[in-house]
N, C-alpha and C. Protein backbone atom coordinates (compact mmCIF):
# COMPACT_ATOMS: atom_id res chain seq x y z
N MET A 1 106.37 71.36 89.38
CA MET A 1 105.92 72.72 89.58
C MET A 1 104.48 72.84 89.08
N TYR A 2 103.68 73.55 89.84
CA TYR A 2 102.28 73.70 89.50
C TYR A 2 101.97 75.17 89.19
N ALA A 3 100.80 75.40 88.62
CA ALA A 3 100.40 76.76 88.26
C ALA A 3 100.25 77.61 89.51
N LYS A 4 100.58 78.88 89.38
CA LYS A 4 100.43 79.82 90.49
C LYS A 4 98.96 80.13 90.71
N SER A 5 98.60 80.28 91.97
CA SER A 5 97.25 80.69 92.34
C SER A 5 97.37 81.97 93.14
N PHE A 6 96.44 82.87 92.94
CA PHE A 6 96.47 84.13 93.65
C PHE A 6 95.32 84.25 94.64
N ILE A 7 94.62 83.13 94.87
CA ILE A 7 93.53 83.07 95.82
C ILE A 7 93.56 81.73 96.52
N SER A 8 93.16 81.71 97.79
CA SER A 8 93.12 80.45 98.54
C SER A 8 92.11 80.60 99.68
N ARG A 9 92.00 79.56 100.47
CA ARG A 9 91.20 79.60 101.69
C ARG A 9 92.17 79.58 102.87
N ASN A 10 91.86 80.41 103.90
CA ASN A 10 92.71 80.41 105.09
C ASN A 10 92.25 79.32 106.06
N ALA A 11 92.84 79.26 107.24
CA ALA A 11 92.52 78.22 108.22
C ALA A 11 91.07 78.28 108.68
N HIS A 12 90.41 79.44 108.54
CA HIS A 12 89.01 79.60 108.93
C HIS A 12 88.05 79.33 107.78
N GLY A 13 88.58 78.98 106.59
CA GLY A 13 87.75 78.68 105.44
C GLY A 13 87.35 79.89 104.62
N HIS A 14 87.89 81.06 104.94
CA HIS A 14 87.58 82.28 104.19
C HIS A 14 88.50 82.42 102.99
N LEU A 15 87.94 82.93 101.89
CA LEU A 15 88.76 83.21 100.71
C LEU A 15 89.68 84.38 101.00
N VAL A 16 90.94 84.25 100.64
CA VAL A 16 91.91 85.32 100.81
C VAL A 16 92.76 85.43 99.55
N SER A 17 93.12 86.65 99.21
CA SER A 17 94.01 86.86 98.07
C SER A 17 95.45 86.77 98.56
N ALA A 18 96.35 86.60 97.63
CA ALA A 18 97.77 86.55 97.98
C ALA A 18 98.24 87.88 98.55
N LEU A 19 97.67 88.98 98.06
CA LEU A 19 98.03 90.30 98.60
C LEU A 19 97.60 90.44 100.05
N THR A 20 96.42 89.90 100.39
CA THR A 20 95.95 89.93 101.77
C THR A 20 96.82 89.04 102.65
N ALA A 21 97.17 87.87 102.16
CA ALA A 21 98.03 86.95 102.91
C ALA A 21 99.40 87.57 103.18
N GLN A 22 99.86 88.40 102.26
CA GLN A 22 101.15 89.08 102.41
C GLN A 22 101.16 89.97 103.65
N LYS A 23 100.00 90.54 103.97
CA LYS A 23 99.88 91.48 105.10
C LYS A 23 99.78 90.78 106.45
N SER A 24 99.36 89.52 106.44
CA SER A 24 99.17 88.80 107.71
C SER A 24 100.39 87.94 108.02
N SER A 25 100.37 87.41 109.24
CA SER A 25 101.47 86.52 109.63
C SER A 25 101.30 85.17 108.93
N ASN A 26 102.25 84.31 109.12
CA ASN A 26 102.20 83.00 108.46
C ASN A 26 100.92 82.27 108.85
N GLY A 27 100.34 81.56 107.92
CA GLY A 27 99.12 80.83 108.17
C GLY A 27 99.05 79.58 107.33
N GLU A 28 97.98 78.84 107.51
CA GLU A 28 97.75 77.65 106.71
C GLU A 28 96.77 78.01 105.61
N TYR A 29 97.08 77.58 104.39
CA TYR A 29 96.25 77.90 103.24
C TYR A 29 95.92 76.63 102.46
N THR A 30 94.70 76.59 101.93
CA THR A 30 94.27 75.45 101.11
C THR A 30 93.69 75.97 99.80
N CYS A 31 93.72 75.13 98.80
CA CYS A 31 93.19 75.47 97.48
C CYS A 31 91.68 75.67 97.57
N HIS A 32 91.19 76.72 96.94
CA HIS A 32 89.75 77.02 96.97
C HIS A 32 88.96 76.05 96.10
N LEU A 33 89.62 75.26 95.27
CA LEU A 33 88.92 74.30 94.42
C LEU A 33 89.01 72.86 94.95
N CYS A 34 90.19 72.43 95.36
CA CYS A 34 90.37 71.01 95.72
C CYS A 34 90.72 70.77 97.18
N ASN A 35 90.87 71.82 97.96
CA ASN A 35 91.19 71.73 99.40
C ASN A 35 92.55 71.12 99.71
N SER A 36 93.45 71.08 98.75
CA SER A 36 94.81 70.60 99.00
C SER A 36 95.61 71.71 99.70
N SER A 37 96.64 71.33 100.42
CA SER A 37 97.50 72.30 101.10
C SER A 37 98.28 73.13 100.08
N LEU A 38 98.46 74.41 100.40
CA LEU A 38 99.23 75.32 99.56
C LEU A 38 100.37 75.91 100.35
N VAL A 39 101.42 76.27 99.66
CA VAL A 39 102.52 77.01 100.27
C VAL A 39 102.42 78.44 99.74
N PHE A 40 102.67 79.40 100.62
CA PHE A 40 102.57 80.81 100.26
C PHE A 40 103.95 81.35 99.93
N HIS A 41 104.07 82.04 98.80
CA HIS A 41 105.33 82.66 98.39
C HIS A 41 105.16 84.17 98.52
N ARG A 42 105.97 84.78 99.34
CA ARG A 42 105.88 86.23 99.57
C ARG A 42 106.37 87.02 98.37
N LYS A 43 105.95 88.26 98.31
CA LYS A 43 106.34 89.18 97.24
C LYS A 43 107.86 89.34 97.22
N THR A 44 108.41 89.37 96.02
CA THR A 44 109.83 89.66 95.86
C THR A 44 109.95 90.87 94.93
N THR A 45 111.15 91.26 94.65
CA THR A 45 111.34 92.40 93.75
C THR A 45 110.92 92.06 92.32
N HIS A 46 110.84 90.76 92.00
CA HIS A 46 110.52 90.35 90.63
C HIS A 46 109.15 89.70 90.47
N SER A 47 108.43 89.44 91.56
CA SER A 47 107.14 88.78 91.43
C SER A 47 106.17 89.20 92.53
N LYS A 48 104.90 89.07 92.23
CA LYS A 48 103.84 89.33 93.20
C LYS A 48 103.72 88.11 94.11
N PRO A 49 103.05 88.26 95.28
CA PRO A 49 102.86 87.08 96.14
C PRO A 49 101.91 86.08 95.47
N TRP A 50 102.08 84.79 95.79
CA TRP A 50 101.27 83.75 95.18
C TRP A 50 101.28 82.49 96.02
N PHE A 51 100.33 81.60 95.71
CA PHE A 51 100.22 80.31 96.38
C PHE A 51 100.57 79.21 95.37
N GLU A 52 101.09 78.09 95.91
CA GLU A 52 101.43 76.96 95.03
C GLU A 52 101.08 75.66 95.73
N HIS A 53 100.58 74.70 94.97
CA HIS A 53 100.32 73.36 95.49
C HIS A 53 101.67 72.71 95.80
N ILE A 54 101.66 71.81 96.76
CA ILE A 54 102.86 71.04 97.09
C ILE A 54 102.51 69.56 97.03
N ASP A 55 103.46 68.75 96.60
CA ASP A 55 103.22 67.31 96.45
C ASP A 55 102.74 66.67 97.75
N ALA A 56 103.37 67.04 98.86
CA ALA A 56 103.04 66.42 100.15
C ALA A 56 101.61 66.73 100.59
N GLY A 57 101.07 67.87 100.16
CA GLY A 57 99.75 68.27 100.61
C GLY A 57 98.63 68.03 99.62
N LEU A 58 98.92 67.34 98.51
CA LEU A 58 97.90 67.13 97.48
C LEU A 58 96.89 66.08 97.89
N SER A 59 95.62 66.41 97.79
CA SER A 59 94.57 65.42 98.01
C SER A 59 94.45 64.58 96.73
N GLU A 60 93.83 63.43 96.85
CA GLU A 60 93.64 62.57 95.68
C GLU A 60 92.78 63.29 94.64
N HIS A 61 91.75 64.00 95.11
CA HIS A 61 90.89 64.76 94.21
C HIS A 61 91.70 65.85 93.50
N GLY A 62 92.55 66.54 94.24
CA GLY A 62 93.38 67.59 93.66
C GLY A 62 94.34 67.05 92.62
N ARG A 63 94.93 65.91 92.92
CA ARG A 63 95.89 65.31 91.99
C ARG A 63 95.22 64.95 90.66
N GLU A 64 93.97 64.53 90.71
CA GLU A 64 93.28 64.11 89.50
C GLU A 64 92.55 65.22 88.77
N HIS A 65 92.01 66.22 89.50
CA HIS A 65 91.08 67.14 88.86
C HIS A 65 91.38 68.63 89.00
N CYS A 66 92.27 69.04 89.88
CA CYS A 66 92.48 70.47 90.08
C CYS A 66 93.19 71.10 88.87
N PRO A 67 92.63 72.18 88.32
CA PRO A 67 93.26 72.80 87.14
C PRO A 67 94.61 73.46 87.45
N TYR A 68 94.91 73.74 88.73
CA TYR A 68 96.22 74.30 89.08
C TYR A 68 97.29 73.21 89.09
N VAL A 69 96.88 71.97 89.27
CA VAL A 69 97.81 70.84 89.29
C VAL A 69 97.95 70.24 87.90
N ASN A 70 96.84 70.09 87.21
CA ASN A 70 96.82 69.47 85.88
C ASN A 70 96.70 70.55 84.80
N VAL A 71 97.76 71.25 84.60
CA VAL A 71 97.77 72.32 83.60
C VAL A 71 97.85 71.69 82.22
N ALA A 72 97.01 72.16 81.32
CA ALA A 72 96.97 71.60 79.96
C ALA A 72 98.33 71.77 79.28
N PHE A 73 98.80 70.71 78.62
CA PHE A 73 100.08 70.73 77.93
C PHE A 73 100.15 71.85 76.90
N GLU A 74 99.05 72.06 76.18
CA GLU A 74 99.02 73.10 75.15
C GLU A 74 99.26 74.48 75.77
N GLU A 75 98.70 74.70 76.95
CA GLU A 75 98.89 75.99 77.62
C GLU A 75 100.34 76.20 78.01
N VAL A 76 100.97 75.18 78.55
CA VAL A 76 102.38 75.28 78.94
C VAL A 76 103.25 75.54 77.73
N ALA A 77 102.99 74.84 76.62
CA ALA A 77 103.77 75.02 75.40
C ALA A 77 103.60 76.42 74.83
N THR A 78 102.37 76.93 74.85
CA THR A 78 102.10 78.28 74.33
C THR A 78 102.82 79.33 75.16
N ILE A 79 102.77 79.19 76.47
CA ILE A 79 103.43 80.16 77.35
C ILE A 79 104.94 80.12 77.13
N GLY A 80 105.50 78.92 77.00
CA GLY A 80 106.94 78.78 76.74
C GLY A 80 107.34 79.44 75.44
N ALA A 81 106.54 79.24 74.39
CA ALA A 81 106.84 79.86 73.10
C ALA A 81 106.73 81.38 73.17
N LEU A 82 105.71 81.86 73.86
CA LEU A 82 105.55 83.31 74.01
C LEU A 82 106.73 83.94 74.75
N ARG A 83 107.22 83.25 75.76
CA ARG A 83 108.30 83.81 76.58
C ARG A 83 109.61 83.92 75.82
N THR A 84 109.76 83.21 74.71
CA THR A 84 110.97 83.38 73.91
C THR A 84 110.98 84.76 73.25
N PHE A 85 109.78 85.29 72.96
CA PHE A 85 109.67 86.61 72.34
C PHE A 85 109.38 87.71 73.35
N VAL A 86 108.58 87.38 74.36
CA VAL A 86 108.21 88.36 75.39
C VAL A 86 108.50 87.70 76.74
N PRO A 87 109.67 87.96 77.31
CA PRO A 87 110.11 87.25 78.51
C PRO A 87 109.15 87.33 79.70
N LYS A 88 108.41 88.41 79.85
CA LYS A 88 107.53 88.55 81.00
C LYS A 88 106.07 88.25 80.67
N ALA A 89 105.83 87.48 79.60
CA ALA A 89 104.46 87.15 79.20
C ALA A 89 103.78 86.32 80.28
N ARG A 90 102.52 86.64 80.54
CA ARG A 90 101.73 85.90 81.51
C ARG A 90 100.61 85.19 80.79
N PRO A 91 100.19 84.03 81.31
CA PRO A 91 99.11 83.29 80.65
C PRO A 91 97.78 84.03 80.75
N LEU A 92 96.97 83.86 79.73
CA LEU A 92 95.63 84.43 79.70
C LEU A 92 94.65 83.34 80.08
N VAL A 93 93.85 83.60 81.08
CA VAL A 93 92.87 82.61 81.52
C VAL A 93 91.70 82.62 80.57
N GLN A 94 91.36 81.45 80.03
CA GLN A 94 90.23 81.35 79.10
C GLN A 94 88.96 81.20 79.91
N LYS A 95 88.09 82.19 79.80
CA LYS A 95 86.79 82.13 80.44
C LYS A 95 85.76 81.98 79.33
N ALA A 96 84.79 81.11 79.58
CA ALA A 96 83.76 80.85 78.58
C ALA A 96 82.52 80.32 79.29
N HIS A 97 81.46 80.14 78.50
CA HIS A 97 80.26 79.47 78.99
C HIS A 97 80.48 77.97 78.77
N TRP A 98 80.38 77.19 79.84
CA TRP A 98 80.65 75.77 79.79
C TRP A 98 79.40 74.97 80.15
N HIS A 99 79.34 73.73 79.68
CA HIS A 99 78.28 72.80 80.07
C HIS A 99 78.96 71.50 80.48
N CYS A 100 78.68 71.04 81.70
CA CYS A 100 79.27 69.81 82.21
C CYS A 100 78.35 68.64 81.88
N SER A 101 78.84 67.70 81.08
CA SER A 101 78.03 66.54 80.71
C SER A 101 77.95 65.52 81.85
N ASN A 102 78.80 65.65 82.86
CA ASN A 102 78.78 64.73 83.99
C ASN A 102 77.60 65.01 84.92
N CYS A 103 77.35 66.30 85.22
CA CYS A 103 76.28 66.65 86.15
C CYS A 103 75.18 67.51 85.52
N GLY A 104 75.40 67.98 84.28
CA GLY A 104 74.40 68.79 83.59
C GLY A 104 74.42 70.26 83.97
N HIS A 105 75.38 70.67 84.76
CA HIS A 105 75.48 72.05 85.23
C HIS A 105 76.07 72.96 84.15
N ALA A 106 75.46 74.13 83.96
CA ALA A 106 76.00 75.14 83.04
C ALA A 106 76.62 76.23 83.90
N TYR A 107 77.78 76.71 83.50
CA TYR A 107 78.48 77.73 84.30
C TYR A 107 79.35 78.60 83.40
N TYR A 108 79.83 79.70 83.96
CA TYR A 108 80.71 80.62 83.24
C TYR A 108 82.01 80.74 84.03
N GLY A 109 83.12 80.81 83.35
CA GLY A 109 84.41 81.00 84.00
C GLY A 109 85.45 80.07 83.42
N GLU A 110 86.36 79.61 84.29
CA GLU A 110 87.38 78.67 83.86
C GLU A 110 86.77 77.28 83.72
N LYS A 111 87.45 76.39 83.02
CA LYS A 111 86.95 75.04 82.76
C LYS A 111 87.14 74.18 84.02
N TYR A 112 86.20 74.37 84.97
CA TYR A 112 86.20 73.60 86.21
C TYR A 112 84.81 73.69 86.82
N CYS A 113 84.07 72.62 86.79
CA CYS A 113 82.69 72.58 87.30
C CYS A 113 82.73 72.50 88.82
N LEU A 114 82.21 73.50 89.50
CA LEU A 114 82.20 73.50 90.96
C LEU A 114 81.20 72.50 91.52
N THR A 115 80.21 72.12 90.74
CA THR A 115 79.20 71.18 91.21
C THR A 115 79.77 69.78 91.36
N CYS A 116 80.39 69.26 90.31
CA CYS A 116 80.96 67.90 90.40
C CYS A 116 82.48 67.92 90.62
N GLN A 117 83.05 69.10 90.68
CA GLN A 117 84.47 69.32 90.96
C GLN A 117 85.39 68.63 89.97
N ARG A 118 85.07 68.82 88.70
CA ARG A 118 85.89 68.31 87.61
C ARG A 118 85.80 69.27 86.43
N GLY A 119 86.71 69.16 85.52
CA GLY A 119 86.67 69.95 84.31
C GLY A 119 86.70 69.09 83.06
N ALA A 120 87.02 67.81 83.26
CA ALA A 120 87.20 66.91 82.12
C ALA A 120 85.93 66.69 81.32
N HIS A 121 84.76 66.83 81.94
CA HIS A 121 83.50 66.58 81.25
C HIS A 121 82.86 67.85 80.70
N SER A 122 83.54 68.98 80.82
CA SER A 122 82.97 70.26 80.39
C SER A 122 83.32 70.58 78.94
N GLN A 123 82.32 71.09 78.23
CA GLN A 123 82.50 71.52 76.84
C GLN A 123 81.99 72.95 76.72
N ILE A 124 82.61 73.71 75.85
CA ILE A 124 82.17 75.09 75.61
C ILE A 124 80.78 75.04 75.00
N GLU A 125 79.86 75.85 75.58
CA GLU A 125 78.52 75.93 75.05
C GLU A 125 78.53 76.74 73.77
N VAL A 126 77.87 76.25 72.77
CA VAL A 126 77.76 76.95 71.49
C VAL A 126 76.49 77.78 71.51
N THR A 127 76.66 79.08 71.33
CA THR A 127 75.49 79.97 71.30
C THR A 127 75.32 80.54 69.91
N ASP A 128 74.09 80.67 69.51
CA ASP A 128 73.80 81.20 68.17
C ASP A 128 73.58 82.69 68.22
């Protein structure tokens, strides 16, 4: 099982939200970061619509570097512990200023460099 995504690219390459995909007919969706195939899960009484990576559609790049596929162990453990006390707890996305030592790119957001398409070489920038 992989992390839920609420944004993807449609067959035309446009970014679409899961809520927008809910309104349209069935389509083909790919990850906006790694271009792997996604499966769309429609809204239910207990959850919002979302996209999920599937093993059969994973690209090699996605398998190695996509943050939706390679969820940090610490994050999974923290969410599991939280859910024992708060059953409907949702993960908090850590956004920060990052610097990628692989390509030298500085960026803000999640730990995933769009320039070199990796997150493993990124470190939080220390500001004074």
